[in-house]
Amino acid sequence: MLLVLSIANQWLKSEYAQDDSNLWLVMSLFSKFMFFALVGLMALSLFTALLTWAYFFNLCRNKRITVQAKLGDGQQAEAGKVSLTIELFGNFLRPLLGTINASLVFAEKKISDRVLLDTAISRPRHWWRAGIKGKGQTLLHDRGIYDVQYVLVLFSDMLGLLSLPARLPFTQQLFTLPVSQPPTNIKAQPNATEEQTHRIEIPKRVDGEYVNYKEFEMGDNIQRIVWKIYAKSGQLVVRIPETKDPYASHLYFYVSFFSSHQKEGAFETELLNVYKDRVRNLFEALQRNGYNVRLPHDQEVPKLAGLGEKKSELFQITVAQWQSQIPPSAFVKSSNAAFVCLTSLVASTEIETILKNLPTSVPVVVVKLSEAIPSLFQLSVKDVFFKPETKPADHLRQPWLLSSLRRDLIKNENEIATLLKTRDNSWLTPSIALDK
């Protein structure tokens, strides 16, 4: 800004500078006034930012500042843009013409987007505010647990030339759910041997045969004879009384997070995010069959503060990680399985072993991960006329195209595709659309 003002002054001087010109004298005085006023405001803003930060830092050392933050609903949110509210309480000052921003710092050196603290928190029956707060959004792209370690507060001057940090202790845990996909219906039946092994508290109604009627047999109660049917057809039938089955039908959904690839990096993290989205979509589609879907886990489920011991299957999907200790052939129980989901990170030889042990009635889905990160050349007609929406994984598209992991996946997927052609009820698919 000072540079622009200086260039403008030089241009005015070259055009209007004359010793006997009153106009030039006025313009010269005005330009000098603007220059020194701007320099003075900048200096004042820098000085007050430094002064208020020092005062705030002293209050923090004396533990006279408290902070509250809320991500999502305070415990969970869907991955993506998550609402964030930060509140500071205490008798601190804001810099003149400057701003106070705050961010959450997570484990593994991740940091949230800045939130501008610009709203006063009123205190009942007091003229002085109790604190300030701000609301905004931050991008939490990875599906899993986020551990907040502290809140970073920044005091800035009017032009943002100076940002002075202060750290406030604050801990919180939040888990981000896989992204919900468009609803899909998938037909699945529980294993017959499971139908009489798990009791439920409220028995389910079970209809009788032949629309609740059967032929009269010796020993049947004659009071249950349906005389209307006898009058029409001459056949003696009796009503079957409504029964209640004290056992539930459970659908065991085996999801393996086994990976033959040992390295952990940005590619593996993004593949895990995509796989969790697909698994959630499958899980919710299976629930629409009306059965109690159970999800055995191939790894220990971490505990989350404040969530309690009882966790949902959706939480289990969210916090899962790639593992290499328990292969699918040792994890999937063919006598229980009603649906099996794997990834193309599983070697084709391992999938062949599973298919030999599973009945052909059990559906098997292998999620195709080589297409999880879109290609650089994948464009739509809309992209020609409109700038495509920026996505968090866009920076991976170019290196993924040349990645050795992608080449290994494509080779393994070709072997898996050949293998699945010999079996019904099997799919190699990048999405939930199970068309074969």
Protein backbone atom coordinates (compact mmCIF):
# COMPACT_ATOMS: atom_id res chain seq x y z
CA MET A 1 0.00 0.00 0.00
CA LEU A 2 2.83 2.38 0.82
CA LEU A 3 4.46 1.45 -2.48
CA VAL A 4 1.27 2.28 -4.39
CA LEU A 5 1.00 5.60 -2.53
CA SER A 6 4.63 6.41 -3.34
CA ILE A 7 4.16 5.62 -7.07
CA ALA A 8 0.99 7.73 -7.17
CA ASN A 9 2.85 10.62 -5.53
CA GLN A 10 5.66 10.41 -8.11
CA TRP A 11 3.13 10.45 -10.96
CA LEU A 12 1.30 13.46 -9.53
CA LYS A 13 4.63 15.25 -9.08
CA SER A 14 5.61 14.65 -12.70
CA GLU A 15 2.24 15.88 -13.97
CA TYR A 16 1.38 18.77 -11.67
CA ALA A 17 4.57 19.82 -9.84
CA GLN A 18 5.01 23.59 -10.27
CA ASP A 19 6.43 25.98 -7.70
CA ASP A 20 3.67 28.55 -8.18
CA SER A 21 0.79 26.04 -8.38
CA ASN A 22 -1.64 26.09 -5.46
CA LEU A 23 -3.17 22.83 -6.69
CA TRP A 24 0.16 21.05 -6.43
CA LEU A 25 0.74 22.43 -2.93
CA VAL A 26 -2.62 21.05 -1.79
CA MET A 27 -2.03 17.71 -3.47
CA SER A 28 1.46 17.48 -2.03
CA LEU A 29 0.26 18.21 1.49
CA PHE A 30 -2.59 15.73 1.11
CA SER A 31 -0.31 12.95 -0.14
CA LYS A 32 2.10 13.54 2.77
CA PHE A 33 -0.80 13.50 5.20
CA MET A 34 -2.07 10.21 3.76
CA PHE A 35 1.42 8.72 3.91
CA PHE A 36 2.07 9.60 7.54
CA ALA A 37 -1.51 8.71 8.57
CA LEU A 38 -1.17 5.27 7.02
CA VAL A 39 2.26 4.72 8.57
CA GLY A 40 0.90 5.86 11.92
CA LEU A 41 -2.10 3.50 11.76
CA MET A 42 0.14 0.59 10.82
CA ALA A 43 2.55 1.39 13.66
CA LEU A 44 -0.34 1.76 16.11
CA SER A 45 -1.87 -1.53 14.99
CA LEU A 46 1.46 -3.35 15.30
CA PHE A 47 2.10 -1.84 18.72
CA THR A 48 -1.37 -2.70 20.09
CA ALA A 49 -1.13 -6.23 18.67
CA LEU A 50 2.16 -6.70 20.50
CA LEU A 51 0.83 -5.11 23.69
CA THR A 52 -2.45 -7.08 23.81
CA TRP A 53 -0.61 -10.32 23.00
CA ALA A 54 1.85 -9.75 25.86
CA TYR A 55 -1.07 -9.08 28.23
CA PHE A 56 -2.91 -12.17 27.00
CA PHE A 57 0.24 -14.27 27.33
CA ASN A 58 0.62 -13.13 30.93
CA LEU A 59 -3.01 -14.04 31.68
CA CYS A 60 -2.42 -17.50 30.20
CA ARG A 61 0.61 -18.03 32.42
CA ASN A 62 -1.51 -17.14 35.45
CA LYS A 63 -4.28 -19.48 34.20
CA ARG A 64 -6.82 -16.68 33.95
CA ILE A 65 -7.85 -17.59 30.41
CA THR A 66 -10.13 -20.52 29.61
CA VAL A 67 -11.07 -21.92 26.23
CA GLN A 68 -13.93 -24.02 24.90
CA ALA A 69 -14.14 -25.59 21.45
CA LYS A 70 -16.70 -27.74 19.70
CA LEU A 71 -16.23 -29.75 16.52
CA GLY A 72 -19.35 -31.13 14.89
CA ASP A 73 -21.74 -32.24 17.63
CA GLY A 74 -18.86 -32.50 20.08
CA GLN A 75 -18.26 -36.20 19.50
CA GLN A 76 -18.73 -37.10 15.85
CA ALA A 77 -19.17 -35.59 12.41
CA GLU A 78 -19.18 -36.76 8.82
CA ALA A 79 -15.82 -36.38 7.09
CA GLY A 80 -15.49 -33.18 5.08
CA LYS A 81 -16.31 -29.64 6.15
CA VAL A 82 -17.06 -29.76 9.89
CA SER A 83 -18.51 -26.90 11.92
CA LEU A 84 -16.11 -25.42 14.48
CA THR A 85 -16.85 -23.08 17.38
CA ILE A 86 -14.12 -21.62 19.62
CA GLU A 87 -14.75 -19.50 22.72
CA LEU A 88 -12.20 -17.59 24.84
CA PHE A 89 -13.11 -16.44 28.36
CA GLY A 90 -11.15 -13.85 30.33
CA ASN A 91 -10.44 -10.12 30.75
CA PHE A 92 -8.12 -9.76 27.77
CA LEU A 93 -8.04 -7.02 25.12
CA ARG A 94 -8.28 -7.10 21.37
CA PRO A 95 -5.65 -5.30 19.23
CA LEU A 96 -6.70 -1.97 17.79
CA LEU A 97 -7.62 -2.43 14.11
CA GLY A 98 -6.32 -5.99 14.40
CA THR A 99 -7.87 -9.43 14.82
CA ILE A 100 -7.74 -12.50 17.04
CA ASN A 101 -7.87 -15.89 15.30
CA ALA A 102 -7.80 -19.37 16.75
CA SER A 103 -7.08 -22.87 15.43
CA LEU A 104 -7.16 -26.37 16.85
CA VAL A 105 -3.95 -28.36 16.75
CA PHE A 106 -4.39 -32.13 16.41
CA ALA A 107 -2.02 -35.01 16.93
CA GLU A 108 0.44 -35.76 14.11
CA LYS A 109 0.96 -31.99 13.54
CA LYS A 110 -2.41 -31.43 11.85
CA ILE A 111 -4.05 -28.04 12.31
CA SER A 112 -7.59 -26.85 11.64
CA ASP A 113 -8.59 -23.83 9.59
CA ARG A 114 -8.51 -20.48 11.41
CA VAL A 115 -11.64 -19.14 13.08
CA LEU A 116 -12.03 -15.37 13.46
CA LEU A 117 -13.05 -14.54 17.04
CA ASP A 118 -15.22 -11.49 16.42
CA THR A 119 -18.34 -11.98 18.57
CA ALA A 120 -18.53 -10.80 22.16
CA ILE A 121 -19.88 -13.17 24.81
CA SER A 122 -22.05 -11.07 27.08
CA ARG A 123 -21.97 -11.34 30.84
CA PRO A 124 -25.30 -10.86 32.69
CA ARG A 125 -25.52 -7.54 34.60
CA HIS A 126 -22.02 -6.48 33.54
CA TRP A 127 -20.92 -3.94 30.96
CA TRP A 128 -17.69 -5.84 30.26
CA ARG A 129 -17.91 -8.96 28.11
CA ALA A 130 -17.13 -12.44 29.48
CA GLY A 131 -15.11 -13.35 26.39
CA ILE A 132 -15.21 -13.63 22.62
CA LYS A 133 -16.13 -16.43 20.25
CA GLY A 134 -16.09 -17.31 16.60
CA LYS A 135 -17.75 -19.84 14.32
CA GLY A 136 -16.49 -21.35 11.14
CA GLN A 137 -15.71 -24.61 9.37
CA THR A 138 -12.65 -26.75 9.01
CA LEU A 139 -11.79 -29.59 6.64
CA LEU A 140 -11.42 -32.99 8.31
CA HIS A 141 -10.89 -35.25 5.33
CA ASP A 142 -9.56 -38.47 6.87
CA ARG A 143 -12.09 -40.88 8.33
CA GLY A 144 -11.03 -41.72 11.88
CA ILE A 145 -10.24 -40.26 15.29
CA TYR A 146 -8.95 -36.71 15.69
CA ASP A 147 -7.19 -35.90 18.97
CA VAL A 148 -7.13 -32.18 19.81
CA GLN A 149 -3.96 -31.33 21.75
CA TYR A 150 -4.27 -27.57 22.24
CA VAL A 151 -5.76 -24.34 20.87
CA LEU A 152 -3.48 -21.93 19.04
CA VAL A 153 -4.50 -18.26 19.41
CA LEU A 154 -3.04 -15.66 17.02
CA PHE A 155 -2.96 -11.86 17.55
CA SER A 156 -2.62 -10.04 14.22
CA ASP A 157 -2.28 -6.42 13.14
CA MET A 158 -4.52 -4.71 10.58
CA LEU A 159 -2.54 -5.91 7.57
CA GLY A 160 -1.61 -9.30 8.93
CA LEU A 161 2.09 -8.48 8.87
CA LEU A 162 2.49 -9.84 12.37
CA SER A 163 0.85 -12.92 13.91
CA LEU A 164 1.80 -13.53 17.53
CA PRO A 165 0.90 -17.01 18.85
CA ALA A 166 -0.31 -18.12 22.26
CA ARG A 167 -1.01 -21.72 23.18
CA LEU A 168 -3.90 -22.78 25.41
CA PRO A 169 -4.21 -26.35 26.72
CA PHE A 170 -7.33 -28.08 25.50
CA THR A 171 -8.04 -31.76 24.78
CA GLN A 172 -10.91 -33.30 22.90
CA GLN A 173 -11.55 -36.37 20.78
CA LEU A 174 -13.75 -36.52 17.72
CA PHE A 175 -14.30 -39.21 15.14
CA THR A 176 -15.28 -38.44 11.57
CA LEU A 177 -17.65 -40.91 9.92
CA PRO A 178 -17.21 -42.20 6.37
CA VAL A 179 -19.14 -40.15 3.84
CA SER A 180 -22.67 -41.39 3.23
CA GLN A 181 -23.37 -42.53 -0.33
CA PRO A 182 -26.67 -42.59 -2.24
CA PRO A 183 -28.90 -45.34 -0.78
CA THR A 184 -28.73 -48.73 -2.46
CA ASN A 185 -30.66 -51.95 -1.92
CA ILE A 186 -28.73 -55.20 -1.72
CA LYS A 187 -30.44 -58.50 -1.09
CA ALA A 188 -28.78 -60.74 1.47
CA GLN A 189 -29.97 -63.58 3.67
CA PRO A 190 -28.55 -64.64 7.04
CA ASN A 191 -26.91 -68.00 7.31
CA ALA A 192 -29.54 -70.57 8.29
CA THR A 193 -27.45 -71.94 11.14
CA GLU A 194 -27.44 -68.50 12.72
CA GLU A 195 -31.21 -68.19 12.95
CA GLN A 196 -31.55 -70.31 16.07
CA THR A 197 -28.45 -69.33 18.02
CA HIS A 198 -29.01 -65.75 19.20
CA ARG A 199 -31.88 -64.94 21.53
CA ILE A 200 -33.53 -61.52 21.50
CA GLU A 201 -35.38 -59.72 24.22
CA ILE A 202 -38.57 -59.11 22.16
CA PRO A 203 -39.56 -62.22 20.17
CA LYS A 204 -40.42 -61.71 16.52
CA ARG A 205 -43.74 -62.79 15.02
CA VAL A 206 -43.53 -65.85 12.78
CA ASP A 207 -46.32 -66.59 10.29
CA GLY A 208 -47.60 -70.13 9.83
CA GLU A 209 -47.60 -72.17 6.63
CA TYR A 210 -50.14 -71.75 3.84
CA VAL A 211 -51.20 -68.28 4.90
CA ASN A 212 -51.60 -69.36 8.53
CA TYR A 213 -53.73 -72.43 7.71
CA LYS A 214 -53.00 -76.16 7.51
CA GLU A 215 -54.94 -79.33 6.91
CA PHE A 216 -56.78 -80.82 9.87
CA GLU A 217 -54.91 -83.65 11.57
CA MET A 218 -55.71 -85.95 14.45
CA GLY A 219 -55.06 -84.12 17.69
CA ASP A 220 -55.77 -80.63 16.31
CA ASN A 221 -58.15 -78.44 18.24
CA ILE A 222 -61.55 -78.58 16.48
CA GLN A 223 -62.26 -75.03 17.64
CA ARG A 224 -59.65 -73.82 15.13
CA ILE A 225 -61.42 -75.39 12.13
CA VAL A 226 -62.24 -72.77 9.48
CA TRP A 227 -65.83 -73.65 8.61
CA LYS A 228 -66.07 -71.08 5.81
CA ILE A 229 -63.34 -72.88 3.86
CA TYR A 230 -65.01 -76.24 4.60
CA ALA A 231 -68.33 -74.94 3.27
CA LYS A 232 -66.72 -73.81 -0.01
CA SER A 233 -64.26 -76.61 -0.67
CA GLY A 234 -65.20 -79.42 1.65
CA GLN A 235 -61.64 -79.42 3.04
CA LEU A 236 -61.02 -79.31 6.76
CA VAL A 237 -58.31 -76.82 7.61
CA VAL A 238 -57.35 -75.26 10.92
CA ARG A 239 -55.83 -71.93 11.79
CA ILE A 240 -52.22 -71.98 12.91
CA PRO A 241 -51.94 -69.80 16.02
CA GLU A 242 -49.49 -66.90 15.85
CA THR A 243 -46.16 -67.97 17.27
CA LYS A 244 -43.26 -65.95 18.47
CA ASP A 245 -39.74 -66.98 17.69
CA PRO A 246 -37.40 -66.19 20.59
CA TYR A 247 -34.44 -66.22 18.23
CA ALA A 248 -33.15 -63.52 15.87
CA SER A 249 -31.77 -63.82 12.38
CA HIS A 250 -28.34 -62.20 12.28
CA LEU A 251 -26.49 -61.32 9.14
CA TYR A 252 -22.74 -61.57 9.60
CA PHE A 253 -20.96 -59.00 7.42
CA TYR A 254 -17.26 -59.81 7.23
CA VAL A 255 -15.15 -56.78 6.30
CA SER A 256 -11.42 -57.30 6.04
CA PHE A 257 -8.93 -54.45 6.35
CA PHE A 258 -6.04 -56.72 5.45
CA SER A 259 -3.41 -55.26 3.13
CA SER A 260 -0.55 -57.09 1.48
CA HIS A 261 1.14 -53.72 1.00
CA GLN A 262 3.14 -52.84 4.12
CA LYS A 263 4.01 -49.19 3.45
CA GLU A 264 1.96 -46.40 5.04
CA GLY A 265 1.71 -43.08 3.25
CA ALA A 266 -0.60 -40.58 1.62
CA PHE A 267 -1.81 -43.10 -0.98
CA GLU A 268 -2.66 -45.73 1.61
CA THR A 269 -4.50 -43.16 3.75
CA GLU A 270 -6.67 -42.02 0.84
CA LEU A 271 -7.38 -45.61 -0.23
CA LEU A 272 -8.50 -46.33 3.33
CA ASN A 273 -10.83 -43.31 3.25
CA VAL A 274 -12.45 -44.51 0.03
CA TYR A 275 -12.75 -48.10 1.30
CA LYS A 276 -14.48 -46.94 4.49
CA ASP A 277 -17.02 -45.02 2.41
CA ARG A 278 -17.78 -48.14 0.37
CA VAL A 279 -18.05 -50.30 3.49
CA ARG A 280 -20.48 -47.88 5.12
CA ASN A 281 -22.61 -47.92 1.99
CA LEU A 282 -22.65 -51.72 1.95
CA PHE A 283 -23.40 -51.91 5.67
CA GLU A 284 -26.38 -49.55 5.44
CA ALA A 285 -27.65 -51.33 2.32
CA LEU A 286 -27.57 -54.68 4.17
CA GLN A 287 -29.45 -53.17 7.11
CA ARG A 288 -32.36 -52.38 4.78
CA ASN A 289 -33.05 -56.12 4.58
CA GLY A 290 -34.46 -55.91 8.10
CA TYR A 291 -31.89 -58.16 9.75
CA ASN A 292 -29.57 -57.43 12.61
CA VAL A 293 -26.24 -56.91 10.80
CA ARG A 294 -23.24 -57.96 12.83
CA LEU A 295 -19.74 -56.85 11.95
CA PRO A 296 -16.88 -59.05 13.24
CA HIS A 297 -13.64 -57.08 13.49
CA ASP A 298 -10.17 -58.18 12.46
CA GLN A 299 -8.42 -55.74 14.80
CA GLU A 300 -8.83 -54.23 18.22
CA VAL A 301 -11.31 -51.36 18.30
CA PRO A 302 -9.79 -48.35 20.13
CA LYS A 303 -11.63 -46.70 22.98
CA LEU A 304 -12.83 -43.15 22.67
CA ALA A 305 -13.17 -40.88 25.70
CA GLY A 306 -16.79 -40.18 26.56
CA LEU A 307 -18.23 -42.74 24.13
CA GLY A 308 -18.55 -45.57 26.62
CA GLU A 309 -17.90 -49.26 26.15
CA LYS A 310 -20.79 -49.86 23.76
CA LYS A 311 -19.82 -48.76 20.25
CA SER A 312 -21.76 -48.98 17.03
CA GLU A 313 -20.66 -50.88 13.95
CA LEU A 314 -20.34 -47.53 12.16
CA PHE A 315 -17.78 -46.42 14.74
CA GLN A 316 -15.95 -49.70 14.19
CA ILE A 317 -15.72 -49.02 10.45
CA THR A 318 -14.58 -45.44 11.10
CA VAL A 319 -11.61 -46.26 13.35
CA ALA A 320 -10.34 -49.32 11.46
CA GLN A 321 -6.85 -49.23 9.96
CA TRP A 322 -4.99 -51.31 7.42
CA GLN A 323 -3.56 -54.42 9.10
CA SER A 324 -1.28 -57.23 7.95
CA GLN A 325 -1.54 -59.69 10.85
CA ILE A 326 -4.85 -61.48 10.19
CA PRO A 327 -5.42 -62.51 6.55
CA PRO A 328 -9.01 -62.84 5.33
CA SER A 329 -8.74 -66.65 5.05
CA ALA A 330 -8.13 -66.81 8.82
CA PHE A 331 -10.69 -64.12 9.62
CA VAL A 332 -13.77 -65.08 7.59
CA LYS A 333 -15.75 -67.99 9.05
CA SER A 334 -17.54 -69.76 6.23
CA SER A 335 -20.16 -71.23 8.59
CA ASN A 336 -21.26 -67.76 9.75
CA ALA A 337 -20.61 -65.45 6.80
CA ALA A 338 -23.59 -63.97 4.98
CA PHE A 339 -21.64 -61.27 3.11
CA VAL A 340 -17.88 -60.71 2.61
CA CYS A 341 -16.10 -57.51 1.61
CA LEU A 342 -12.41 -57.34 0.65
CA THR A 343 -10.11 -54.98 -1.24
CA SER A 344 -7.81 -55.42 -4.19
CA LEU A 345 -4.93 -54.93 -1.74
CA VAL A 346 -5.51 -58.61 -0.87
CA ALA A 347 -3.45 -60.94 -3.03
CA SER A 348 -5.41 -62.94 -5.60
CA THR A 349 -4.07 -66.21 -4.14
CA GLU A 350 -5.58 -65.27 -0.76
CA ILE A 351 -8.95 -64.48 -2.37
CA GLU A 352 -8.83 -67.83 -4.19
CA THR A 353 -8.45 -69.59 -0.84
CA ILE A 354 -11.48 -67.75 0.57
CA LEU A 355 -13.66 -68.57 -2.43
CA LYS A 356 -12.87 -72.29 -2.10
CA ASN A 357 -14.05 -72.29 1.53
CA LEU A 358 -17.17 -70.13 1.10
CA PRO A 359 -20.52 -71.47 -0.13
CA THR A 360 -21.50 -70.04 -3.51
CA SER A 361 -24.61 -68.51 -1.90
CA VAL A 362 -22.45 -66.06 0.08
CA PRO A 363 -21.85 -62.81 -1.87
CA VAL A 364 -18.26 -61.57 -2.09
CA VAL A 365 -17.38 -57.98 -2.98
CA VAL A 366 -13.82 -56.94 -3.81
CA VAL A 367 -13.47 -53.16 -3.84
CA LYS A 368 -11.33 -52.02 -6.77
CA LEU A 369 -8.91 -49.48 -5.31
CA SER A 370 -6.85 -48.70 -8.41
CA GLU A 371 -9.62 -46.24 -9.38
CA ALA A 372 -10.09 -44.81 -5.88
CA ILE A 373 -7.96 -41.77 -6.76
CA PRO A 374 -9.40 -40.32 -10.01
CA SER A 375 -7.22 -40.11 -13.08
CA LEU A 376 -5.86 -36.81 -14.34
CA PHE A 377 -7.62 -37.46 -17.63
CA GLN A 378 -11.00 -38.19 -16.08
CA LEU A 379 -13.08 -35.19 -17.19
CA SER A 380 -16.77 -34.60 -17.73
CA VAL A 381 -18.53 -32.29 -20.18
CA LYS A 382 -19.34 -29.94 -17.31
CA ASP A 383 -15.62 -29.54 -16.55
CA VAL A 384 -15.11 -28.00 -20.00
CA PHE A 385 -17.39 -25.05 -19.19
CA PHE A 386 -17.05 -24.84 -15.40
CA LYS A 387 -14.07 -25.12 -13.12
CA PRO A 388 -14.33 -28.47 -11.30
CA GLU A 389 -14.72 -28.47 -7.55
CA THR A 390 -11.42 -28.77 -5.71
CA LYS A 391 -11.13 -31.96 -3.65
CA PRO A 392 -8.64 -32.75 -0.86
CA ALA A 393 -7.11 -35.66 -2.78
CA ASP A 394 -6.53 -33.72 -6.02
CA HIS A 395 -2.84 -33.27 -5.23
CA LEU A 396 -2.45 -37.08 -5.33
CA ARG A 397 -3.82 -37.52 -8.84
CA GLN A 398 -0.59 -36.91 -10.74
CA PRO A 399 1.77 -38.95 -8.52
CA TRP A 400 -0.85 -41.73 -8.31
CA LEU A 401 -0.81 -42.08 -12.09
CA LEU A 402 2.90 -43.00 -11.93
CA SER A 403 2.78 -44.88 -8.62
CA SER A 404 4.17 -48.40 -8.37
CA LEU A 405 1.34 -49.23 -5.94
CA ARG A 406 -1.20 -48.44 -8.66
CA ARG A 407 0.61 -50.71 -11.12
CA ASP A 408 0.67 -53.55 -8.58
CA LEU A 409 -3.04 -53.04 -7.87
CA ILE A 410 -3.99 -53.17 -11.55
CA LYS A 411 -2.02 -56.38 -12.02
CA ASN A 412 -3.63 -57.97 -8.96
CA GLU A 413 -7.11 -56.79 -10.01
CA ASN A 414 -6.72 -58.44 -13.42
CA GLU A 415 -5.94 -61.74 -11.68
CA ILE A 416 -8.90 -61.26 -9.31
CA ALA A 417 -11.26 -60.48 -12.22
CA THR A 418 -10.25 -63.73 -13.94
CA LEU A 419 -10.78 -65.60 -10.70
CA LEU A 420 -14.24 -64.18 -10.02
CA LYS A 421 -15.52 -65.12 -13.48
CA THR A 422 -15.67 -68.72 -12.32
CA ARG A 423 -17.97 -67.93 -9.39
CA ASP A 424 -21.45 -66.44 -9.12
CA ASN A 425 -22.31 -63.89 -6.42
CA SER A 426 -18.90 -62.22 -6.75
CA TRP A 427 -17.98 -58.68 -7.83
CA LEU A 428 -14.85 -56.64 -8.44
CA THR A 429 -16.17 -53.09 -8.38
CA PRO A 430 -14.98 -49.56 -7.54
CA SER A 431 -18.42 -48.62 -6.20
CA ILE A 432 -21.49 -50.13 -4.60
CA ALA A 433 -23.22 -50.88 -7.93
CA LEU A 434 -23.07 -54.67 -7.96
CA ASP A 435 -23.86 -55.37 -11.57
CA LYS A 436 -22.40 -58.46 -13.14
